[in-house]
Amino acid sequence: MTRGRVLVVDGDDAVRSELERLLRASGFTTSTASDAEAAIAEATLVLPDAVLTDLQVQPVHGEGLCQRLHEIDRELPVIVMTAFSEMPSVVESLRVGAEDYLVKPLQGDTVLWCVERAIARRKAKREHEELSRTLNERLVMSSVREQEHSEAEAQQRAQLRALLENLSDGVAIADASGRVLMINEAARAILGFGDADLRTVDALYSLEAHDLEGRLLPNERRPLSRALRGEQFVDHEMVLTRPNGERRRLVSTGTSVNDENGNVALAIVVYRDVTELRRLEQQHDEYVALISHDLRNPLGSIVLFAHALKQSMAKKGLTEDVKIAERLERNVWRVQEMLEELTEATTLESRGVALKRHVCDLQELVAGVVDRMDGALVRRIALETDGSSSYVVLADAPLLERVVANLLTNALKYSAEDAPVTARLARKESAVELDVIDHGIGIAPESVKMLFDRYYRTTEGEARAKGLGLGLYIARLIVEAHGGRIDVSSELGKGSTFRLILPSHAVLA
């Protein structure tokens, strides 16, 4: 039985043939195309489960092909293949909806892992959507209202049970008294109960559960308890210890059905085991870290050679060649910075932000960041306060300095060369606020809500930004780890205000 259909798009016949051979040997059905138009025609004729395409496919670029494929099916996973020097184009492809990317030369195991992961994600999403739609239709019909005819009610219950028993996701349904009305075989397998007698919610609570920080999850925060209180939630993740001692990562979605008086009559929780998915994600993070580590040494050597080449050319009076060497050196440094950002973002996502908190004055911290900037830039920055006596916070100063430096640098970058930038401090009850205000190009309203997302860059800033679009994403992770928040207000052509809010009650207490 085929593991899925993969469309391979590459103008190189040898690459296309080798990928087709690799995928077929692993049980996939394949189709191929040598250019974008052929790929669109093939996908329209027989929709694949995933597309593996070269970034430089003709006559449109990889991100253009990705957009056209998503016009056929917006959920179609597209994996782009690229050389490392094309990272800005890769980022653009990810921004417009590409699922993942592969760096050439390709490794067979990596290609198969990416394709398997993309198809598995699509299948899981489809099953979840179908489950949600089916439950919504069926459970409304079989709520707490008694049916006029018990035969019709029994038939409905039998149909619903048959439906739920055949789902791959686990489903548990309980009434307002805490009695378990139904738990399907998938839920028993996911929770590890087997044939155990599960008549009440308390029986489910016999399993030990922890949140993702390792804290014991009290019964009132368990998914069924939350649903019985009328809460609706999606993708609540926890670590559950099965009766045999095995620890599993579970994601749950909960909802409730109310009676005619508005009281909760039924609680419905859907469980999904994401242990293997999280393992694959960890492998992906390790893969990114490994690539970054292996590239640092050759990049360092290139920097040294470029510097030596520049000095040699300068001594010989080769002015134009010196400029070429300088451009080479700058580009290598830019690649190194992109690697550092990519590695850091992956580390922060997988391990969280490890803070070394100390009492620090935010006014002094901002002033220190400004003092370390280039003299011409310093003259453009004005530091203002609201006159409060203290702006003390409990924070990891080096990490916070990075956030402040990022905000100030962006404000300067996206403003005219002589435009002023204001850093304004204020105390608001138990918090300290820092506003970084510029009068630059501004941000479009549709971009504001995505500005702190991974890999996102605004259309207005693409001509000036040369990174991966991770700076503000990393800043958000750091600020949220401090218990604060960061947001932005902006108007095109008039400038932007980035606001950093940090709690200080722990210091004042």
Protein backbone atom coordinates (compact mmCIF):
# COMPACT_ATOMS: atom_id res chain seq x y z
CA MET A 1 0.00 0.00 0.00
CA THR A 2 1.47 3.39 -1.02
CA ARG A 3 2.62 5.78 1.70
CA GLY A 4 1.48 8.76 -0.33
CA ARG A 5 1.94 10.52 -3.67
CA VAL A 6 4.87 12.95 -4.02
CA LEU A 7 5.30 15.39 -6.93
CA VAL A 8 9.03 16.03 -7.63
CA VAL A 9 9.81 19.31 -9.48
CA ASP A 10 13.39 19.95 -10.66
CA GLY A 11 14.91 21.09 -13.94
CA ASP A 12 17.89 18.73 -13.47
CA ASP A 13 17.01 15.33 -14.95
CA ALA A 14 19.58 13.50 -12.80
CA VAL A 15 18.33 15.05 -9.55
CA ARG A 16 14.73 14.38 -10.51
CA SER A 17 15.44 10.73 -11.35
CA GLU A 18 17.42 10.12 -8.16
CA LEU A 19 14.69 11.61 -5.95
CA GLU A 20 12.06 9.57 -7.76
CA ARG A 21 14.10 6.38 -7.23
CA LEU A 22 14.63 7.17 -3.52
CA LEU A 23 10.95 7.87 -2.85
CA ARG A 24 9.66 4.86 -4.76
CA ALA A 25 12.11 2.57 -2.93
CA SER A 26 10.58 3.82 0.32
CA GLY A 27 7.01 3.05 -0.75
CA PHE A 28 5.85 6.39 -2.15
CA THR A 29 4.05 6.90 -5.46
CA THR A 30 5.73 9.65 -7.49
CA SER A 31 5.11 11.97 -10.38
CA THR A 32 7.61 14.46 -11.81
CA ALA A 33 7.80 17.80 -13.58
CA SER A 34 10.76 19.73 -15.02
CA ASP A 35 9.24 23.22 -14.70
CA ALA A 36 6.54 25.16 -12.84
CA GLU A 37 3.87 24.97 -15.56
CA ALA A 38 4.22 21.19 -15.83
CA ALA A 39 4.04 20.97 -12.03
CA ILE A 40 0.78 22.96 -11.93
CA ALA A 41 -0.70 20.78 -14.68
CA GLU A 42 0.32 17.57 -12.87
CA ALA A 43 -1.04 18.74 -9.50
CA THR A 44 -4.32 19.78 -11.13
CA LEU A 45 -4.68 16.38 -12.82
CA VAL A 46 -3.84 14.25 -9.74
CA LEU A 47 -3.45 16.10 -6.42
CA PRO A 48 -0.30 14.88 -4.62
CA ASP A 49 0.09 14.49 -0.85
CA ALA A 50 3.30 16.56 -0.90
CA VAL A 51 5.45 18.51 -3.37
CA LEU A 52 9.26 18.49 -3.40
CA THR A 53 10.48 21.40 -5.57
CA ASP A 54 13.75 23.10 -6.42
CA LEU A 55 13.76 26.79 -5.41
CA GLN A 56 15.07 27.89 -8.82
CA VAL A 57 12.40 26.11 -10.87
CA GLN A 58 11.45 27.93 -14.07
CA PRO A 59 9.68 30.04 -15.25
CA VAL A 60 8.57 31.20 -11.76
CA HIS A 61 10.60 31.17 -8.55
CA GLY A 62 9.94 28.66 -5.76
CA GLU A 63 7.73 30.95 -3.69
CA GLY A 64 5.63 31.73 -6.78
CA LEU A 65 5.11 28.03 -7.45
CA CYS A 66 4.19 27.53 -3.79
CA GLN A 67 1.48 30.19 -4.04
CA ARG A 68 0.06 28.70 -7.25
CA LEU A 69 -0.01 25.20 -5.76
CA HIS A 70 -1.87 26.54 -2.73
CA GLU A 71 -4.50 27.97 -5.09
CA ILE A 72 -5.23 24.34 -5.99
CA ASP A 73 -5.13 23.12 -2.36
CA ARG A 74 -4.28 25.58 0.42
CA GLU A 75 -3.18 22.72 2.72
CA LEU A 76 -0.81 21.06 0.19
CA PRO A 77 2.64 20.65 1.84
CA VAL A 78 5.44 22.16 -0.30
CA ILE A 79 9.09 21.43 0.56
CA VAL A 80 11.64 23.63 -1.22
CA MET A 81 15.18 22.50 -2.09
CA THR A 82 17.89 25.14 -2.15
CA ALA A 83 21.55 26.03 -1.83
CA PHE A 84 22.42 27.74 1.47
CA SER A 85 23.24 31.02 -0.34
CA GLU A 86 19.52 31.35 -1.22
CA MET A 87 18.31 31.60 2.39
CA PRO A 88 16.40 34.89 1.89
CA SER A 89 14.38 33.19 -0.85
CA VAL A 90 13.83 30.20 1.42
CA VAL A 91 12.50 32.51 4.10
CA GLU A 92 10.13 34.11 1.57
CA SER A 93 8.92 30.62 0.57
CA LEU A 94 8.26 29.76 4.21
CA ARG A 95 6.43 33.06 4.67
CA VAL A 96 4.02 32.35 1.80
CA GLY A 97 3.27 28.85 3.05
CA ALA A 98 6.06 26.36 2.29
CA GLU A 99 6.09 23.50 4.79
CA ASP A 100 9.87 23.04 5.10
CA TYR A 101 13.15 23.30 3.21
CA LEU A 102 16.13 21.09 2.35
CA VAL A 103 19.67 22.31 1.76
CA LYS A 104 21.63 20.82 -1.15
CA PRO A 105 23.51 18.49 -1.45
CA LEU A 106 20.57 16.37 -0.32
CA GLN A 107 20.80 13.49 2.13
CA GLY A 108 18.43 10.60 1.43
CA ASP A 109 17.40 10.07 5.08
CA THR A 110 16.72 13.77 5.51
CA VAL A 111 14.57 13.93 2.35
CA LEU A 112 12.48 10.95 3.49
CA TRP A 113 12.11 12.39 7.01
CA CYS A 114 10.87 15.75 5.67
CA VAL A 115 8.39 14.14 3.27
CA GLU A 116 7.08 11.69 5.91
CA ARG A 117 6.68 14.51 8.42
CA ALA A 118 4.84 16.78 5.96
CA ILE A 119 2.41 14.03 4.91
CA ALA A 120 1.84 12.95 8.55
CA ARG A 121 1.03 16.53 9.57
CA ARG A 122 -1.44 16.94 6.72
CA LYS A 123 -3.15 13.64 7.57
CA ALA A 124 -3.39 14.52 11.27
CA LYS A 125 -4.86 17.95 10.48
CA ARG A 126 -7.46 16.44 8.14
CA GLU A 127 -8.48 13.83 10.73
CA HIS A 128 -8.75 16.51 13.41
CA GLU A 129 -10.91 18.76 11.21
CA GLU A 130 -13.13 15.86 10.23
CA LEU A 131 -13.46 14.83 13.88
CA SER A 132 -14.39 18.35 15.00
CA ARG A 133 -16.94 18.72 12.21
CA THR A 134 -18.49 15.29 12.86
CA LEU A 135 -18.64 15.76 16.63
CA ASN A 136 -20.29 19.13 16.27
CA GLU A 137 -22.98 17.67 14.01
CA ARG A 138 -23.58 14.47 15.96
CA LEU A 139 -23.29 15.58 19.57
CA VAL A 140 -25.74 18.46 19.19
CA MET A 141 -28.33 15.95 18.04
CA SER A 142 -27.62 13.58 20.95
CA SER A 143 -27.38 16.03 23.86
CA VAL A 144 -29.27 15.77 27.12
CA ARG A 145 -32.74 16.26 25.72
CA GLU A 146 -34.70 13.07 25.99
CA GLN A 147 -36.00 11.79 22.75
CA GLU A 148 -39.70 11.25 22.30
CA HIS A 149 -39.04 7.69 21.28
CA SER A 150 -36.46 5.66 23.15
CA GLU A 151 -35.84 3.48 20.07
CA ALA A 152 -34.73 6.50 18.04
CA GLU A 153 -32.50 7.66 20.91
CA ALA A 154 -30.89 4.23 21.23
CA GLN A 155 -30.24 4.13 17.49
CA GLN A 156 -28.62 7.55 17.57
CA ARG A 157 -26.40 6.54 20.45
CA ALA A 158 -25.36 3.38 18.66
CA GLN A 159 -24.50 5.34 15.52
CA LEU A 160 -22.50 7.88 17.50
CA ARG A 161 -20.63 5.17 19.39
CA ALA A 162 -19.83 3.37 16.14
CA LEU A 163 -18.53 6.64 14.69
CA LEU A 164 -16.36 7.47 17.69
CA GLU A 165 -14.98 3.96 18.01
CA ASN A 166 -13.58 4.18 14.50
CA LEU A 167 -11.73 7.46 15.05
CA SER A 168 -7.93 7.46 15.36
CA ASP A 169 -8.09 10.22 18.00
CA GLY A 170 -9.19 9.42 21.53
CA VAL A 171 -12.58 10.76 22.68
CA ALA A 172 -13.99 10.87 26.22
CA ILE A 173 -17.49 12.15 27.07
CA ALA A 174 -18.66 12.84 30.62
CA ASP A 175 -21.86 14.27 32.10
CA ALA A 176 -22.21 17.05 34.66
CA SER A 177 -22.04 14.55 37.58
CA GLY A 178 -18.62 13.33 36.48
CA ARG A 179 -19.87 10.04 35.06
CA VAL A 180 -18.00 8.84 31.97
CA LEU A 181 -20.64 8.17 29.34
CA MET A 182 -18.29 7.09 26.61
CA ILE A 183 -14.56 6.55 26.07
CA ASN A 184 -13.47 5.05 22.75
CA GLU A 185 -10.77 2.44 22.17
CA ALA A 186 -8.37 5.04 20.80
CA ALA A 187 -8.62 7.00 24.08
CA ARG A 188 -8.02 3.84 26.13
CA ALA A 189 -4.93 3.09 24.03
CA ILE A 190 -3.61 6.67 24.21
CA LEU A 191 -4.13 6.86 28.00
CA GLY A 192 -2.86 3.30 28.48
CA PHE A 193 -5.91 1.95 30.35
CA GLY A 194 -6.66 -1.09 28.20
CA ASP A 195 -9.82 -2.83 29.46
CA ALA A 196 -9.87 -1.11 32.88
CA ASP A 197 -13.26 -0.08 34.29
CA LEU A 198 -13.62 3.66 33.70
CA ARG A 199 -16.98 4.81 34.97
CA THR A 200 -16.08 8.17 36.49
CA VAL A 201 -13.78 11.09 35.80
CA ASP A 202 -11.90 10.24 39.02
CA ALA A 203 -10.83 6.93 37.45
CA LEU A 204 -9.14 8.88 34.65
CA TYR A 205 -7.42 11.07 37.24
CA SER A 206 -5.61 8.06 38.71
CA LEU A 207 -2.90 8.72 36.11
CA GLU A 208 -0.20 11.21 37.02
CA ALA A 209 -0.01 14.23 34.72
CA HIS A 210 2.40 17.17 34.52
CA ASP A 211 2.53 20.40 32.56
CA LEU A 212 5.37 21.07 30.13
CA GLU A 213 7.44 22.70 32.89
CA GLY A 214 7.28 19.49 34.93
CA ARG A 215 4.77 20.73 37.53
CA LEU A 216 2.16 18.25 38.75
CA LEU A 217 -1.19 19.01 37.08
CA PRO A 218 -3.99 19.26 39.69
CA ASN A 219 -7.29 17.55 38.93
CA GLU A 220 -9.12 20.85 38.42
CA ARG A 221 -6.73 21.69 35.57
CA ARG A 222 -7.22 18.34 33.82
CA PRO A 223 -8.93 18.57 30.39
CA LEU A 224 -12.25 16.94 31.43
CA SER A 225 -12.55 19.15 34.53
CA ARG A 226 -12.02 22.26 32.42
CA ALA A 227 -14.63 21.14 29.89
CA LEU A 228 -17.10 20.34 32.70
CA ARG A 229 -16.71 23.95 33.88
CA GLY A 230 -17.72 25.12 30.40
CA GLU A 231 -14.24 26.02 29.18
CA GLN A 232 -13.39 25.60 25.53
CA PHE A 233 -9.73 25.03 24.71
CA VAL A 234 -7.56 23.82 21.84
CA ASP A 235 -4.20 22.03 21.87
CA HIS A 236 -3.69 21.87 25.63
CA GLU A 237 -0.45 19.90 25.99
CA MET A 238 0.62 17.82 28.97
CA VAL A 239 2.84 14.88 29.90
CA LEU A 240 0.89 11.83 31.07
CA THR A 241 2.34 8.79 32.85
CA ARG A 242 0.58 5.60 31.80
CA PRO A 243 -0.14 2.76 34.27
CA ASN A 244 2.97 0.94 32.98
CA GLY A 245 5.15 3.98 33.79
CA GLU A 246 5.57 5.15 30.18
CA ARG A 247 5.49 8.95 29.73
CA ARG A 248 3.60 10.31 26.73
CA ARG A 249 3.03 13.83 25.35
CA LEU A 250 -0.69 14.40 24.81
CA VAL A 251 -2.58 17.28 23.20
CA SER A 252 -6.24 17.70 24.12
CA THR A 253 -9.11 19.79 22.79
CA GLY A 254 -12.21 20.28 24.91
CA THR A 255 -15.71 21.64 24.58
CA SER A 256 -19.10 21.24 26.25
CA VAL A 257 -22.80 20.91 25.40
CA ASN A 258 -25.26 22.98 27.42
CA ASP A 259 -28.83 22.11 28.36
CA GLU A 260 -31.83 24.35 27.72
CA ASN A 261 -31.03 26.31 30.89
CA GLY A 262 -27.49 27.08 29.79
CA ASN A 263 -25.84 24.65 32.23
CA VAL A 264 -23.14 22.21 31.15
CA ALA A 265 -24.70 18.84 30.37
CA LEU A 266 -21.87 17.09 28.53
CA ALA A 267 -18.10 17.57 28.43
CA ILE A 268 -16.24 16.30 25.38
CA VAL A 269 -12.45 15.95 25.23
CA VAL A 270 -10.43 14.77 22.23
CA TYR A 271 -6.96 13.36 22.94
CA ARG A 272 -4.08 13.07 20.49
CA ASP A 273 -0.71 11.44 21.23
CA VAL A 274 2.03 13.74 19.89
CA THR A 275 4.98 11.95 21.48
CA GLU A 276 6.47 10.87 18.15
CA LEU A 277 5.75 14.24 16.56
CA ARG A 278 7.63 16.02 19.35
CA ARG A 279 10.49 13.56 18.92
CA LEU A 280 10.65 14.38 15.20
CA GLU A 281 10.57 18.11 15.99
CA GLN A 282 13.47 17.63 18.40
CA GLN A 283 15.41 15.79 15.70
CA HIS A 284 14.70 18.70 13.35
CA ASP A 285 16.04 21.17 15.93
CA GLU A 286 19.14 19.03 16.43
CA TYR A 287 19.58 18.87 12.66
CA VAL A 288 19.47 22.67 12.40
CA ALA A 289 21.97 22.98 15.26
CA LEU A 290 24.28 20.44 13.61
CA ILE A 291 24.21 22.27 10.28
CA SER A 292 24.93 25.58 12.02
CA HIS A 293 27.83 24.05 13.95
CA ASP A 294 29.37 22.40 10.88
CA LEU A 295 29.17 25.61 8.85
CA ARG A 296 30.86 27.84 11.43
CA ASN A 297 34.41 26.56 10.86
CA PRO A 298 34.45 26.94 7.05
CA LEU A 299 32.75 30.33 7.33
CA GLY A 300 35.39 31.43 9.83
CA SER A 301 38.11 30.36 7.43
CA ILE A 302 36.46 32.27 4.58
CA VAL A 303 36.39 35.42 6.74
CA LEU A 304 40.11 35.10 7.47
CA PHE A 305 40.97 34.45 3.81
CA ALA A 306 38.81 37.37 2.67
CA HIS A 307 40.50 39.68 5.19
CA ALA A 308 43.97 38.54 4.12
CA LEU A 309 43.01 38.91 0.46
CA LYS A 310 41.73 42.45 1.11
CA GLN A 311 44.99 43.46 2.81
CA SER A 312 47.09 41.93 0.01
CA MET A 313 45.11 43.77 -2.67
CA ALA A 314 45.32 47.03 -0.71
CA LYS A 315 49.11 46.77 -0.61
CA LYS A 316 49.17 46.24 -4.37
CA GLY A 317 46.92 49.24 -4.92
CA LEU A 318 44.07 47.19 -6.43
CA THR A 319 41.28 49.45 -5.24
CA GLU A 320 38.40 47.81 -7.15
CA ASP A 321 39.49 44.32 -6.05
CA VAL A 322 39.62 45.53 -2.42
CA LYS A 323 35.95 46.55 -2.69
CA ILE A 324 35.05 43.09 -3.99
CA ALA A 325 36.89 41.46 -1.07
CA GLU A 326 35.09 43.76 1.36
CA ARG A 327 31.71 42.76 -0.08
CA LEU A 328 32.68 39.11 0.26
CA GLU A 329 33.68 39.66 3.89
CA ARG A 330 30.41 41.48 4.69
CA ASN A 331 28.31 38.75 3.11
CA VAL A 332 30.08 36.01 5.07
CA TRP A 333 29.50 37.93 8.31
CA ARG A 334 25.84 38.26 7.34
CA VAL A 335 25.58 34.49 6.83
CA GLN A 336 27.18 33.93 10.23
CA GLU A 337 24.66 36.28 11.86
CA MET A 338 21.80 34.43 10.16
CA LEU A 339 23.16 31.11 11.46
CA GLU A 340 23.38 32.51 14.98
CA GLU A 341 19.78 33.76 14.80
CA LEU A 342 18.50 30.46 13.43
CA THR A 343 20.32 28.44 16.09
CA GLU A 344 19.18 30.73 18.88
CA ALA A 345 15.53 30.71 17.78
CA THR A 346 15.57 26.89 17.60
CA THR A 347 17.17 26.67 21.07
CA LEU A 348 14.69 29.10 22.64
CA GLU A 349 11.73 27.20 21.17
CA SER A 350 12.89 23.76 22.27
CA ARG A 351 14.48 24.56 25.66
CA GLY A 352 12.90 27.85 26.63
CA VAL A 353 14.74 30.96 27.80
CA ALA A 354 17.12 30.30 30.71
CA LEU A 355 17.16 33.53 32.74
CA LYS A 356 19.82 34.69 35.21
CA ARG A 357 17.82 37.39 36.94
CA HIS A 358 19.34 40.30 38.82
CA VAL A 359 18.00 43.66 39.97
CA CYS A 360 18.79 46.20 37.28
CA ASP A 361 17.77 49.77 36.47
CA LEU A 362 16.14 49.86 33.04
CA GLN A 363 17.14 53.51 32.56
CA GLU A 364 20.82 52.65 33.08
CA LEU A 365 20.47 49.58 30.87
CA VAL A 366 19.02 51.59 27.96
CA ALA A 367 21.65 54.32 28.39
CA GLY A 368 24.38 51.66 28.28
CA VAL A 369 23.03 50.22 25.04
CA VAL A 370 22.93 53.68 23.47
CA ASP A 371 26.49 54.51 24.63
CA ARG A 372 27.86 51.42 22.89
CA MET A 373 26.41 52.46 19.52
CA ASP A 374 28.24 54.33 16.78
CA GLY A 375 28.65 58.03 17.54
CA ALA A 376 26.57 59.19 14.57
CA LEU A 377 23.69 56.96 15.67
CA VAL A 378 23.89 58.01 19.33
CA ARG A 379 23.24 61.63 18.37
CA ARG A 380 19.90 60.63 16.83
CA ILE A 381 18.59 58.92 20.01
CA ALA A 382 16.87 60.89 22.79
CA LEU A 383 16.30 59.16 26.16
CA GLU A 384 13.26 60.52 28.04
CA THR A 385 11.60 59.61 31.36
CA ASP A 386 8.34 60.45 33.09
CA GLY A 387 10.20 61.65 36.17
CA SER A 388 9.68 58.54 38.32
CA SER A 389 12.32 57.82 40.92
CA SER A 390 12.95 54.22 39.89
CA TYR A 391 12.77 51.99 36.83
CA VAL A 392 14.11 48.89 38.54
CA VAL A 393 13.18 45.43 37.23
CA LEU A 394 14.27 41.88 37.97
CA ALA A 395 15.80 40.70 34.71
CA ASP A 396 18.59 38.96 32.82
CA ALA A 397 20.46 42.13 31.82
CA PRO A 398 22.45 40.76 28.82
CA LEU A 399 19.32 39.26 27.24
CA LEU A 400 17.31 42.40 27.89
CA GLU A 401 20.09 44.53 26.38
CA ARG A 402 19.75 42.48 23.18
CA VAL A 403 16.04 43.26 23.02
CA VAL A 404 16.59 46.98 23.56
CA ALA A 405 19.44 47.05 21.01
CA ASN A 406 17.22 45.30 18.46
CA LEU A 407 14.39 47.82 18.92
CA LEU A 408 16.70 50.83 18.71
CA THR A 409 18.60 49.46 15.70
CA ASN A 410 15.37 48.76 13.82
CA ALA A 411 14.04 52.24 14.61
CA LEU A 412 17.22 53.80 13.20
CA LYS A 413 17.33 51.48 10.18
CA TYR A 414 13.75 52.15 9.07
CA SER A 415 13.98 55.94 9.47
CA ALA A 416 15.66 58.63 7.41
CA GLU A 417 19.37 59.11 8.17
CA ASP A 418 18.73 62.34 10.09
CA ALA A 419 15.40 61.35 11.70
CA PRO A 420 15.32 61.27 15.53
CA VAL A 421 14.44 58.20 17.61
CA THR A 422 13.04 58.48 21.13
CA ALA A 423 13.44 55.94 23.94
CA ARG A 424 10.83 56.88 26.59
CA LEU A 425 10.63 55.27 30.05
CA ALA A 426 7.57 55.35 32.29
CA ARG A 427 6.35 53.61 35.42
CA LYS A 428 2.76 52.30 35.34
CA GLU A 429 1.74 50.85 38.74
CA SER A 430 3.71 47.58 39.10
CA ALA A 431 5.28 47.68 35.64
CA VAL A 432 7.96 49.60 33.78
CA GLU A 433 7.32 50.59 30.16
CA LEU A 434 9.83 51.41 27.47
CA ASP A 435 8.57 53.03 24.25
CA VAL A 436 10.91 53.16 21.24
CA ILE A 437 9.43 55.77 18.89
CA ASP A 438 10.56 56.46 15.33
CA HIS A 439 9.25 58.62 12.47
CA GLY A 440 10.17 56.23 9.68
CA ILE A 441 8.41 54.24 6.98
CA GLY A 442 5.83 52.66 9.29
CA ILE A 443 4.17 49.25 9.12
CA ALA A 444 1.03 48.21 7.23
CA PRO A 445 -1.95 47.20 9.47
CA GLU A 446 -2.03 43.65 8.05
CA SER A 447 1.64 43.19 9.01
CA VAL A 448 1.40 44.42 12.61
CA LYS A 449 -0.27 41.29 14.00
CA MET A 450 2.38 39.02 12.39
CA LEU A 451 5.42 41.18 13.10
CA PHE A 452 6.67 39.04 16.02
CA ASP A 453 6.17 35.71 14.22
CA ARG A 454 9.05 33.51 13.17
CA TYR A 455 10.60 34.41 9.76
CA TYR A 456 8.18 37.30 9.20
CA ARG A 457 9.38 40.45 7.44
CA THR A 458 7.16 43.27 6.28
CA THR A 459 6.87 44.13 2.60
CA GLU A 460 7.95 47.69 3.39
CA GLY A 461 11.12 46.51 5.15
CA GLU A 462 12.32 43.78 2.82
CA ALA A 463 14.55 46.12 0.82
CA ARG A 464 16.39 47.14 4.00
CA ALA A 465 16.32 43.89 6.02
CA LYS A 466 18.85 41.23 5.07
CA GLY A 467 18.30 38.72 7.89
CA LEU A 468 15.94 35.81 8.39
CA GLY A 469 13.18 37.77 10.10
CA LEU A 470 13.99 36.29 13.54
CA GLY A 471 15.10 39.37 15.50
CA LEU A 472 11.67 40.46 16.78
CA TYR A 473 10.61 36.83 17.21
CA ILE A 474 13.59 36.20 19.52
CA ALA A 475 12.87 39.50 21.31
CA ARG A 476 9.29 38.36 21.99
CA LEU A 477 10.46 35.03 23.43
CA ILE A 478 12.90 36.82 25.77
CA VAL A 479 10.34 39.39 26.94
CA GLU A 480 7.64 36.77 27.54
CA ALA A 481 10.12 34.68 29.54
CA HIS A 482 10.46 37.73 31.83
CA GLY A 483 6.69 37.76 32.33
CA GLY A 484 6.32 40.84 30.14
CA ARG A 485 5.00 41.61 26.71
CA ILE A 486 6.01 43.52 23.61
CA ASP A 487 3.71 45.10 21.02
CA VAL A 488 3.69 47.75 18.33
CA SER A 489 1.49 50.51 16.99
CA SER A 490 2.25 52.02 13.60
CA GLU A 491 1.00 54.05 10.68
CA LEU A 492 2.43 53.87 7.17
CA GLY A 493 4.61 56.85 6.33
CA LYS A 494 4.46 58.26 9.88
CA GLY A 495 6.50 55.86 11.97
CA SER A 496 6.14 53.19 14.66
CA THR A 497 6.12 52.84 18.43
CA PHE A 498 7.38 49.58 19.96
CA ARG A 499 6.32 49.15 23.58
CA LEU A 500 8.17 46.89 26.01
CA ILE A 501 6.35 46.22 29.31
CA LEU A 502 8.13 44.45 32.18
CA PRO A 503 6.76 43.63 35.65
CA SER A 504 8.59 45.12 38.61
CA HIS A 505 6.34 44.16 41.55
CA ALA A 506 8.74 41.37 42.54
CA VAL A 507 11.47 43.97 43.03
CA LEU A 508 9.30 46.45 44.90
CA ALA A 509 7.76 43.89 47.31
